[in-house]
């Protein structure tokens, strides 16, 4: 589109000026897919609420309200929620759905201090900003990078690391839309089918988009699933055997199809913690305009979000140029994992949704850790509206397939064949990288979020042969 071309050309000018430093960092990572993950743990910035207030004022001209700043759980960045006022009209677009009714004239924001890896390569942050603009233009709500006082979407500030060294870190300000997370809901088949359609709209919005920084070595890229093999010793024997079997299927079934799988830039992380849900038709505090605001968030809301609609998608930090079908596989994998969150954890997630939702780099489930022993809702467990693994997968996949077909981008036969194994691969990658990251940062509860539910989901998904699951998904889509 004209808008996309204009955004891309603006990025290209800046990218050419900063490329040499990014090349040096990329060279070090290309030989080791885990290098990026390792570096992100070491390069996580140190900051507190007082520093957030300083950055908000000096870089973006917003004034956080007393007592409103909250430090949010994050995978490798530092994210702060605040309720703030500003005299800058460019930060108050109705389509951002972040107006706050209490007090009048205030808005919800997130101030994000990026890890050192991305700060060394701001071109990738630019890539995220461009992708968000395209997804918003396609009618799917997502954040946008709000302009700094200097008119830049990416600002910079000196910030220490844990070892005391000081780095120049990228900083962004984004609108926060009050909503529930899908992970706090009891998603039935209708909501999962809608999520499949939204995921397809995101995929189609990015289908013509390309960017040099999206072509990267990335451990979460399902095309690189075999790279998790060295992490298997971190797992208990039963889990190790299950994932080793999944890797064998990936290498024997999916890799031979590689040249026949369409490639494009994908969001890469449409999971239950990155999908916003709320009542159909919006509503909510402050009359946010645009698509309206959801209940939940600062409103508290009712227990769970059953029967809700998908309001938007957040966290573009996993953008990568890869097989197109991976977008669908990832969304489906996390829908299966979410079936195994226990009900107490899900209720706790809903209660804290207003402060976990905006972390934009893998938000937290609060108390919903992987230590819960509840069986969740897979295979008929759980409460009203619960669905089993196959029903959940069929609902999401059919919604995706219908929307992709409508937009002239139907799934191909090789994609259908690879899909069941790629769904299993995403759960396997989540388990392995989660175990690895947790060993490096044992105090971060988010890193253990999917371990037990993920193992249950993978074990049950692998109960049937991939060829049988393929036919099941095809029939549902038809």
Protein backbone atom coordinates (compact mmCIF):
# COMPACT_ATOMS: atom_id res chain seq x y z
CA UNK A 1 0.00 0.00 0.00
CA UNK A 2 1.04 3.64 -0.34
CA UNK A 3 1.08 3.97 3.43
CA UNK A 4 3.23 0.87 3.81
CA UNK A 5 5.68 2.06 1.14
CA UNK A 6 6.01 5.45 2.78
CA UNK A 7 6.67 3.90 6.19
CA UNK A 8 9.18 1.49 4.72
CA UNK A 9 11.15 4.20 2.91
CA UNK A 10 11.34 6.28 6.08
CA UNK A 11 12.71 3.27 7.91
CA UNK A 12 15.20 2.43 5.13
CA UNK A 13 16.89 5.82 5.38
CA UNK A 14 17.48 5.36 9.11
CA UNK A 15 18.45 1.71 8.72
CA UNK A 16 21.26 2.49 6.25
CA UNK A 17 22.80 4.89 8.77
CA UNK A 18 22.84 2.44 11.69
CA UNK A 19 23.49 -0.87 9.94
CA UNK A 20 27.17 -1.43 10.82
CA UNK A 21 26.56 -1.89 14.57
CA UNK A 22 23.57 -4.15 13.93
CA UNK A 23 25.67 -6.27 11.54
CA UNK A 24 28.26 -6.85 14.23
CA UNK A 25 25.61 -8.04 16.69
CA UNK A 26 23.87 -10.25 14.10
CA UNK A 27 27.12 -11.93 13.08
CA UNK A 28 27.66 -13.07 16.65
CA UNK A 29 24.14 -14.49 16.89
CA UNK A 30 23.80 -16.18 13.51
CA UNK A 31 26.09 -19.05 14.49
CA UNK A 32 24.11 -19.77 17.66
CA UNK A 33 20.29 -19.64 17.69
CA UNK A 34 20.40 -19.50 21.49
CA UNK A 35 22.75 -16.52 21.43
CA UNK A 36 19.83 -14.10 21.15
CA UNK A 37 18.02 -15.64 24.13
CA UNK A 38 21.20 -15.69 26.20
CA UNK A 39 22.03 -12.07 25.43
CA UNK A 40 18.50 -10.88 26.20
CA UNK A 41 18.73 -12.24 29.75
CA UNK A 42 22.06 -10.48 30.36
CA UNK A 43 20.99 -7.26 28.63
CA UNK A 44 17.70 -6.71 30.49
CA UNK A 45 17.75 -3.09 31.72
CA UNK A 46 17.41 -2.08 35.37
CA UNK A 47 14.78 0.57 36.06
CA UNK A 48 12.15 1.51 38.65
CA UNK A 49 8.93 3.50 38.80
CA UNK A 50 10.76 6.76 39.51
CA UNK A 51 12.83 6.26 36.37
CA UNK A 52 9.67 5.56 34.38
CA UNK A 53 8.26 8.92 35.49
CA UNK A 54 11.47 10.67 34.40
CA UNK A 55 11.39 9.01 30.98
CA UNK A 56 7.68 9.68 30.49
CA UNK A 57 8.15 13.37 31.20
CA UNK A 58 11.45 14.02 29.44
CA UNK A 59 10.98 11.88 26.33
CA UNK A 60 7.23 11.90 25.67
CA UNK A 61 5.74 14.86 27.52
CA UNK A 62 3.30 12.85 29.60
CA UNK A 63 2.70 13.39 33.32
CA UNK A 64 2.02 10.14 35.22
CA UNK A 65 -0.57 10.49 37.97
CA UNK A 66 0.62 9.93 41.52
CA UNK A 67 0.47 6.27 42.50
CA UNK A 68 -0.49 5.02 39.03
CA UNK A 69 2.88 3.68 37.87
CA UNK A 70 3.25 -0.12 37.97
CA UNK A 71 6.28 -2.21 37.06
CA UNK A 72 5.03 -5.04 34.81
CA UNK A 73 6.36 -8.55 34.44
CA UNK A 74 8.33 -8.90 31.23
CA UNK A 75 10.30 -11.49 29.32
CA UNK A 76 13.42 -9.39 28.66
CA UNK A 77 12.45 -5.68 28.64
CA UNK A 78 11.26 -3.35 31.39
CA UNK A 79 7.66 -2.24 31.00
CA UNK A 80 5.72 0.24 33.10
CA UNK A 81 2.01 0.99 33.08
CA UNK A 82 0.88 4.47 34.03
CA UNK A 83 -2.22 6.60 33.97
CA UNK A 84 -1.16 10.04 32.77
CA UNK A 85 -2.18 13.41 31.36
CA UNK A 86 -0.62 15.21 28.43
CA UNK A 87 -1.15 18.39 26.46
CA UNK A 88 -0.01 16.68 23.24
CA UNK A 89 -2.99 15.87 20.94
CA UNK A 90 -0.91 13.39 18.93
CA UNK A 91 -0.95 11.06 21.96
CA UNK A 92 -4.76 11.06 22.25
CA UNK A 93 -6.11 9.43 19.09
CA UNK A 94 -9.57 7.96 19.65
CA UNK A 95 -8.58 4.83 17.70
CA UNK A 96 -6.03 4.00 20.42
CA UNK A 97 -8.93 3.24 22.81
CA UNK A 98 -6.88 4.33 25.84
CA UNK A 99 -8.88 7.23 27.27
CA UNK A 100 -9.50 6.98 31.01
CA UNK A 101 -12.63 8.32 32.66
CA UNK A 102 -11.09 8.65 36.14
CA UNK A 103 -9.88 11.32 36.30
CA UNK A 104 -11.27 12.94 33.15
CA UNK A 105 -8.64 13.91 30.63
CA UNK A 106 -6.22 11.12 31.58
CA UNK A 107 -5.07 8.24 29.42
CA UNK A 108 -3.54 4.78 29.85
CA UNK A 109 0.07 4.36 28.65
CA UNK A 110 2.93 1.88 28.68
CA UNK A 111 6.53 3.07 28.80
CA UNK A 112 8.77 0.32 27.43
CA UNK A 113 12.54 0.24 27.96
CA UNK A 114 13.96 -2.26 25.46
CA UNK A 115 16.62 -4.83 26.25
CA UNK A 116 20.16 -4.20 25.12
CA UNK A 117 19.97 -6.60 22.16
CA UNK A 118 17.14 -4.73 20.44
CA UNK A 119 18.59 -1.37 21.49
CA UNK A 120 21.76 -2.24 19.55
CA UNK A 121 19.61 -2.97 16.50
CA UNK A 122 16.83 -0.35 16.48
CA UNK A 123 15.99 -1.38 12.92
CA UNK A 124 14.11 -4.35 14.37
CA UNK A 125 12.08 -2.05 16.59
CA UNK A 126 11.31 -0.01 13.47
CA UNK A 127 10.22 -3.25 11.84
CA UNK A 128 7.74 -3.80 14.68
CA UNK A 129 6.41 -0.25 14.36
CA UNK A 130 5.81 -0.66 10.63
CA UNK A 131 4.09 -4.02 11.09
CA UNK A 132 1.77 -2.57 13.74
CA UNK A 133 0.72 0.21 11.38
CA UNK A 134 -0.19 -2.33 8.70
CA UNK A 135 -2.17 -4.51 11.11
CA UNK A 136 -4.08 -1.48 12.41
CA UNK A 137 -4.82 -0.45 8.80
CA UNK A 138 -6.32 -3.93 8.26
CA UNK A 139 -8.83 -3.30 11.05
CA UNK A 140 -7.19 -5.30 13.87
CA UNK A 141 -6.47 -3.21 16.96
CA UNK A 142 -2.89 -3.27 18.19
CA UNK A 143 -0.67 -0.67 19.85
CA UNK A 144 1.28 1.95 17.93
CA UNK A 145 4.52 3.68 18.79
CA UNK A 146 3.57 7.14 20.02
CA UNK A 147 5.85 10.01 18.93
CA UNK A 148 8.40 11.41 21.34
CA UNK A 149 8.80 15.13 21.97
CA UNK A 150 11.27 15.09 19.08
CA UNK A 151 8.71 13.40 16.82
CA UNK A 152 10.48 10.02 16.84
CA UNK A 153 8.77 6.67 17.38
CA UNK A 154 11.88 5.39 19.15
CA UNK A 155 13.61 7.46 21.82
CA UNK A 156 16.85 6.58 23.64
CA UNK A 157 18.04 6.91 27.23
CA UNK A 158 21.04 5.78 29.27
CA UNK A 159 20.11 2.89 31.54
CA UNK A 160 22.16 0.46 33.67
CA UNK A 161 22.23 -3.32 33.33
CA UNK A 162 22.33 -5.76 36.25
CA UNK A 163 26.14 -5.80 36.19
CA UNK A 164 26.25 -2.04 36.69
CA UNK A 165 27.38 -1.15 33.18
CA UNK A 166 25.42 1.61 31.47
CA UNK A 167 23.91 1.21 28.02
CA UNK A 168 21.94 3.40 25.64
CA UNK A 169 18.51 1.75 25.57
CA UNK A 170 15.64 2.26 23.16
CA UNK A 171 12.43 3.54 24.78
CA UNK A 172 8.92 3.56 23.36
CA UNK A 173 5.59 4.84 24.63
CA UNK A 174 2.48 2.89 23.60
CA UNK A 175 -1.25 3.23 24.28
CA UNK A 176 -2.72 0.75 26.74
CA UNK A 177 -6.18 -0.57 25.97
CA UNK A 178 -8.01 -1.82 29.11
CA UNK A 179 -9.17 -5.35 28.41
CA UNK A 180 -9.02 -8.92 29.57
CA UNK A 181 -6.40 -11.31 28.31
CA UNK A 182 -7.58 -14.40 26.47
CA UNK A 183 -5.66 -16.38 29.12
CA UNK A 184 -8.12 -15.15 31.75
CA UNK A 185 -11.15 -16.26 29.72
CA UNK A 186 -12.94 -19.55 29.31
CA UNK A 187 -12.81 -19.55 25.51
CA UNK A 188 -15.48 -21.60 23.83
CA UNK A 189 -15.49 -22.72 20.22
CA UNK A 190 -17.06 -19.46 18.98
CA UNK A 191 -14.36 -17.26 20.52
CA UNK A 192 -11.59 -19.53 19.25
CA UNK A 193 -13.08 -19.47 15.78
CA UNK A 194 -13.12 -15.67 15.93
CA UNK A 195 -9.50 -15.72 17.09
CA UNK A 196 -8.62 -17.84 14.06
CA UNK A 197 -10.19 -15.24 11.81
CA UNK A 198 -8.34 -12.39 13.52
CA UNK A 199 -5.06 -14.32 13.24
CA UNK A 200 -5.68 -14.73 9.51
CA UNK A 201 -6.32 -10.99 9.18
CA UNK A 202 -2.99 -10.29 10.86
CA UNK A 203 -1.28 -12.79 8.55
CA UNK A 204 -2.86 -11.32 5.43
CA UNK A 205 -2.02 -7.77 6.55
CA UNK A 206 1.66 -8.76 6.71
CA UNK A 207 1.71 -10.89 3.56
CA UNK A 208 3.14 -8.14 1.33
CA UNK A 209 5.37 -6.67 4.02
CA UNK A 210 9.09 -7.36 4.15
CA UNK A 211 11.95 -5.93 6.12
CA UNK A 212 15.63 -6.85 6.38
CA UNK A 213 15.48 -7.14 10.17
CA UNK A 214 12.72 -9.78 9.98
CA UNK A 215 15.15 -12.14 8.25
CA UNK A 216 16.92 -13.38 11.35
CA UNK A 217 18.14 -16.39 13.27
CA UNK A 218 15.57 -16.80 16.02
CA UNK A 219 15.08 -19.74 18.37
CA UNK A 220 11.28 -19.22 18.40
CA UNK A 221 11.04 -19.53 14.60
CA UNK A 222 9.42 -22.91 13.95
CA UNK A 223 11.49 -23.31 10.79
CA UNK A 224 14.43 -23.60 13.21
CA UNK A 225 12.77 -26.05 15.59
CA UNK A 226 15.70 -28.49 15.43
CA UNK A 227 17.81 -25.87 17.24
CA UNK A 228 16.15 -26.81 20.55
CA UNK A 229 17.73 -30.29 20.55
CA UNK A 230 20.67 -29.20 22.77
CA UNK A 231 18.15 -28.11 25.41
CA UNK A 232 16.60 -31.56 25.87
CA UNK A 233 18.89 -32.47 28.82
CA UNK A 234 17.23 -29.68 30.83
CA UNK A 235 13.96 -31.64 30.82
CA UNK A 236 12.75 -34.59 32.86
CA UNK A 237 13.07 -37.95 31.02
CA UNK A 238 9.38 -38.28 30.09
CA UNK A 239 9.25 -34.77 28.64
CA UNK A 240 12.58 -35.26 26.91
CA UNK A 241 11.34 -38.40 25.15
CA UNK A 242 8.10 -36.75 24.04
CA UNK A 243 9.91 -33.76 22.56
CA UNK A 244 12.58 -35.90 20.93
CA UNK A 245 9.80 -37.79 19.18
CA UNK A 246 8.27 -34.48 18.05
CA UNK A 247 11.64 -33.41 16.64
CA UNK A 248 11.92 -36.64 14.66
CA UNK A 249 8.53 -35.96 13.08
CA UNK A 250 9.57 -32.39 12.29
CA UNK A 251 12.69 -33.59 10.50
CA UNK A 252 10.97 -36.40 8.62
CA UNK A 253 7.63 -34.72 7.79
CA UNK A 254 8.02 -30.94 7.78
CA UNK A 255 11.58 -30.25 6.63
CA UNK A 256 11.11 -32.14 3.32
CA UNK A 257 8.22 -29.72 2.58
CA UNK A 258 10.28 -26.62 3.35
CA UNK A 259 10.67 -25.41 -0.23
CA UNK A 260 6.92 -25.75 -0.84
CA UNK A 261 5.77 -23.79 2.23
CA UNK A 262 4.94 -20.12 1.43
CA UNK A 263 7.08 -17.64 3.37
CA UNK A 264 6.31 -14.17 4.73
CA UNK A 265 6.73 -11.99 7.81
CA UNK A 266 4.49 -13.20 10.66
CA UNK A 267 3.54 -11.81 14.08
CA UNK A 268 4.93 -15.01 15.55
CA UNK A 269 3.35 -14.91 19.00
CA UNK A 270 -0.46 -14.87 18.87
CA UNK A 271 -0.82 -16.53 22.25
CA UNK A 272 -3.36 -16.35 25.06
CA UNK A 273 -1.32 -13.63 26.79
CA UNK A 274 -1.10 -11.43 23.69
CA UNK A 275 -4.78 -11.45 22.69
CA UNK A 276 -7.16 -8.89 24.22
CA UNK A 277 -10.79 -9.87 24.74
CA UNK A 278 -13.88 -8.14 26.08
CA UNK A 279 -17.60 -7.73 25.52
CA UNK A 280 -18.66 -7.64 21.88
CA UNK A 281 -19.17 -4.04 20.80
CA UNK A 282 -16.69 -2.63 23.33
CA UNK A 283 -18.10 0.00 25.67
CA UNK A 284 -16.12 0.59 28.84
CA UNK A 285 -14.78 3.55 30.71
CA UNK A 286 -14.02 6.90 29.23
CA UNK A 287 -15.73 6.34 25.89
CA UNK A 288 -12.39 5.59 24.24
CA UNK A 289 -13.79 5.94 20.71
CA UNK A 290 -12.57 3.94 17.75
CA UNK A 291 -13.53 0.39 18.53
CA UNK A 292 -14.48 1.36 22.09
CA UNK A 293 -12.89 0.15 25.29
CA UNK A 294 -13.42 -3.20 26.86
CA UNK A 295 -14.52 -3.94 30.37
CA UNK A 296 -12.13 -5.74 32.65
CA UNK A 297 -8.88 -3.85 33.07
CA UNK A 298 -9.48 -0.95 35.45
CA UNK A 299 -13.17 -1.82 35.58
CA UNK A 300 -12.62 -5.12 37.34
CA UNK A 301 -15.16 -7.03 35.28
CA UNK A 302 -16.87 -10.32 36.01
CA UNK A 303 -14.96 -13.56 36.70
CA UNK A 304 -13.63 -14.77 33.40
CA UNK A 305 -14.44 -13.37 29.97
CA UNK A 306 -16.61 -16.14 28.60
CA UNK A 307 -18.57 -15.15 25.53
CA UNK A 308 -16.26 -12.22 24.89
CA UNK A 309 -15.04 -10.92 21.54
CA UNK A 310 -11.45 -10.51 20.37
CA UNK A 311 -10.52 -6.83 20.74
CA UNK A 312 -6.92 -6.81 19.59
CA UNK A 313 -3.42 -8.28 19.51
CA UNK A 314 -0.28 -7.04 21.27
CA UNK A 315 3.46 -7.84 21.40
CA UNK A 316 5.16 -7.74 18.00
CA UNK A 317 8.55 -8.65 19.41
CA UNK A 318 8.64 -12.09 17.75
CA UNK A 319 8.24 -10.85 14.17
CA UNK A 320 10.18 -13.07 11.79
CA UNK A 321 10.23 -13.97 8.09
CA UNK A 322 9.36 -17.67 8.02
CA UNK A 323 6.78 -20.19 6.82
CA UNK A 324 3.35 -18.56 6.65
CA UNK A 325 1.62 -21.55 8.27
CA UNK A 326 3.63 -20.99 11.45
CA UNK A 327 1.29 -18.11 12.37
CA UNK A 328 -1.62 -20.52 12.54
CA UNK A 329 0.40 -23.26 14.25
CA UNK A 330 1.52 -20.90 17.00
CA UNK A 331 -1.97 -19.55 17.72
CA UNK A 332 -3.38 -23.09 17.83
CA UNK A 333 -0.59 -24.39 20.07
CA UNK A 334 -1.25 -21.75 22.72
CA UNK A 335 -5.00 -22.32 22.53
CA UNK A 336 -4.27 -25.95 23.44
CA UNK A 337 -1.93 -24.96 26.28
CA UNK A 338 -4.52 -22.55 27.69
CA UNK A 339 -6.99 -25.41 28.08
CA UNK A 340 -4.81 -26.69 30.92
CA UNK A 341 -4.61 -23.58 33.08
CA UNK A 342 -6.43 -24.42 36.30
CA UNK A 343 -9.52 -22.40 37.19
CA UNK A 344 -7.95 -20.67 40.22
CA UNK A 345 -5.05 -19.43 38.12
CA UNK A 346 -7.43 -18.25 35.39
CA UNK A 347 -9.48 -16.26 37.93
CA UNK A 348 -6.30 -14.73 39.33
CA UNK A 349 -5.24 -13.77 35.82
CA UNK A 350 -8.53 -11.98 35.23
CA UNK A 351 -8.22 -10.06 38.46
CA UNK A 352 -4.79 -8.75 37.47
CA UNK A 353 -5.44 -8.34 33.74
CA UNK A 354 -5.30 -4.55 33.84
CA UNK A 355 -1.66 -4.62 34.89
CA UNK A 356 -0.44 -7.69 33.06
CA UNK A 357 -1.93 -6.95 29.65
CA UNK A 358 0.26 -4.08 28.54
CA UNK A 359 3.66 -5.62 29.12
CA UNK A 360 3.95 -6.07 25.34
CA UNK A 361 6.85 -8.47 25.70
CA UNK A 362 5.13 -11.63 26.85
CA UNK A 363 2.80 -10.37 29.65
CA UNK A 364 2.47 -12.14 32.97
CA UNK A 365 -0.28 -14.38 34.25
CA UNK A 366 0.32 -13.19 37.78
CA UNK A 367 -0.28 -16.20 40.04
CA UNK A 368 -0.94 -18.56 37.13
CA UNK A 369 2.36 -20.39 37.41
CA UNK A 370 3.14 -23.79 35.99
CA UNK A 371 3.16 -25.30 39.47
CA UNK A 372 -0.63 -25.73 39.57
CA UNK A 373 -1.71 -29.32 39.37
CA UNK A 374 -5.24 -28.70 38.09
CA UNK A 375 -6.13 -30.63 34.99
CA UNK A 376 -7.58 -27.55 33.31
CA UNK A 377 -10.25 -28.07 30.69
CA UNK A 378 -8.67 -30.39 28.17
CA UNK A 379 -10.63 -33.56 27.47
CA UNK A 380 -13.75 -32.32 29.13
CA UNK A 381 -12.34 -30.92 32.40
CA UNK A 382 -13.19 -27.46 33.74
CA UNK A 383 -16.33 -25.40 33.72
CA UNK A 384 -19.11 -24.32 31.38
CA UNK A 385 -18.07 -23.53 27.86
CA UNK A 386 -15.00 -25.76 28.10
CA UNK A 387 -13.74 -27.44 24.96
CA UNK A 388 -11.38 -30.35 24.40
CA UNK A 389 -8.12 -30.18 22.43
CA UNK A 390 -9.46 -31.35 19.08
CA UNK A 391 -12.55 -29.13 19.27
CA UNK A 392 -10.41 -26.11 20.18
CA UNK A 393 -7.96 -26.74 17.34
CA UNK A 394 -10.74 -27.29 14.81
CA UNK A 395 -12.51 -24.07 15.83
CA UNK A 396 -9.40 -21.91 15.56
CA UNK A 397 -8.11 -23.50 12.36
CA UNK A 398 -11.50 -23.31 10.62
CA UNK A 399 -11.78 -19.60 11.49
CA UNK A 400 -8.31 -18.96 10.07
CA UNK A 401 -8.91 -21.00 6.92
CA UNK A 402 -12.21 -19.27 6.15
CA UNK A 403 -10.75 -15.76 6.50
CA UNK A 404 -7.59 -16.65 4.57
CA UNK A 405 -9.71 -18.08 1.76
CA UNK A 406 -11.88 -14.96 1.76
CA UNK A 407 -8.77 -12.82 1.32
CA UNK A 408 -7.45 -14.97 -1.52
CA UNK A 409 -4.68 -16.61 0.53
CA UNK A 410 -5.93 -20.16 1.18
CA UNK A 411 -3.80 -22.74 2.93
CA UNK A 412 -1.91 -24.99 0.51
CA UNK A 413 -1.72 -28.78 0.67
CA UNK A 414 1.86 -28.74 2.05
CA UNK A 415 0.74 -26.32 4.76
CA UNK A 416 -2.12 -28.61 5.78
CA UNK A 417 0.28 -31.55 5.95
CA UNK A 418 2.84 -29.67 8.07
CA UNK A 419 0.31 -28.01 10.40
CA UNK A 420 -0.31 -30.76 13.03
CA UNK A 421 3.40 -31.33 13.57
CA UNK A 422 4.15 -27.61 13.66
CA UNK A 423 1.50 -27.17 16.37
CA UNK A 424 3.35 -29.79 18.42
CA UNK A 425 6.67 -28.11 17.60
CA UNK A 426 5.56 -24.77 19.06
CA UNK A 427 4.61 -26.43 22.33
CA UNK A 428 7.95 -28.26 22.32
CA UNK A 429 9.89 -25.05 21.69
CA UNK A 430 7.97 -23.30 24.47
CA UNK A 431 8.82 -26.09 26.90
CA UNK A 432 12.52 -26.22 25.99
CA UNK A 433 13.20 -22.49 25.82
CA UNK A 434 11.07 -21.94 28.91
CA UNK A 435 13.16 -24.46 30.85
CA UNK A 436 16.37 -22.88 29.56
CA UNK A 437 15.30 -19.31 30.31
CA UNK A 438 14.01 -20.29 33.74
CA UNK A 439 17.41 -21.80 34.56
CA UNK A 440 18.97 -18.42 33.73
CA UNK A 441 16.35 -16.33 35.55
CA UNK A 442 14.72 -18.56 38.22
CA UNK A 443 12.95 -15.66 39.94
CA UNK A 444 10.86 -14.82 36.83
CA UNK A 445 7.59 -16.73 37.27
CA UNK A 446 6.42 -15.93 33.74
CA UNK A 447 9.17 -18.12 32.31
CA UNK A 448 7.57 -21.18 33.96
CA UNK A 449 4.04 -20.27 32.89
CA UNK A 450 3.52 -22.90 30.19
CA UNK A 451 5.71 -25.74 31.50
CA UNK A 452 3.13 -28.03 33.12
CA UNK A 453 0.12 -27.02 30.96
CA UNK A 454 2.34 -27.26 27.88
CA UNK A 455 3.48 -30.77 28.67
CA UNK A 456 -0.13 -31.90 29.17
CA UNK A 457 -1.20 -30.25 25.92
CA UNK A 458 1.66 -31.75 23.92
CA UNK A 459 1.09 -35.24 25.32
CA UNK A 460 -2.59 -35.18 24.40
CA UNK A 461 -2.08 -33.60 20.97
CA UNK A 462 0.43 -36.32 20.15
CA UNK A 463 -2.02 -39.08 21.10
CA UNK A 464 -3.13 -39.22 17.45
CA UNK A 465 -0.91 -39.51 14.35
CA UNK A 466 -0.27 -36.28 12.49
CA UNK A 467 -1.97 -37.61 9.36
CA UNK A 468 -5.18 -38.27 11.31
CA UNK A 469 -5.07 -34.78 12.84
CA UNK A 470 -4.54 -33.27 9.39
CA UNK A 471 -7.71 -34.87 8.10
CA UNK A 472 -9.62 -33.77 11.20
CA UNK A 473 -8.55 -30.12 10.69
CA UNK A 474 -9.26 -30.22 6.95
CA UNK A 475 -12.77 -31.53 7.54
CA UNK A 476 -13.44 -28.83 10.14
CA UNK A 477 -12.30 -26.12 7.73
CA UNK A 478 -14.40 -27.53 4.93
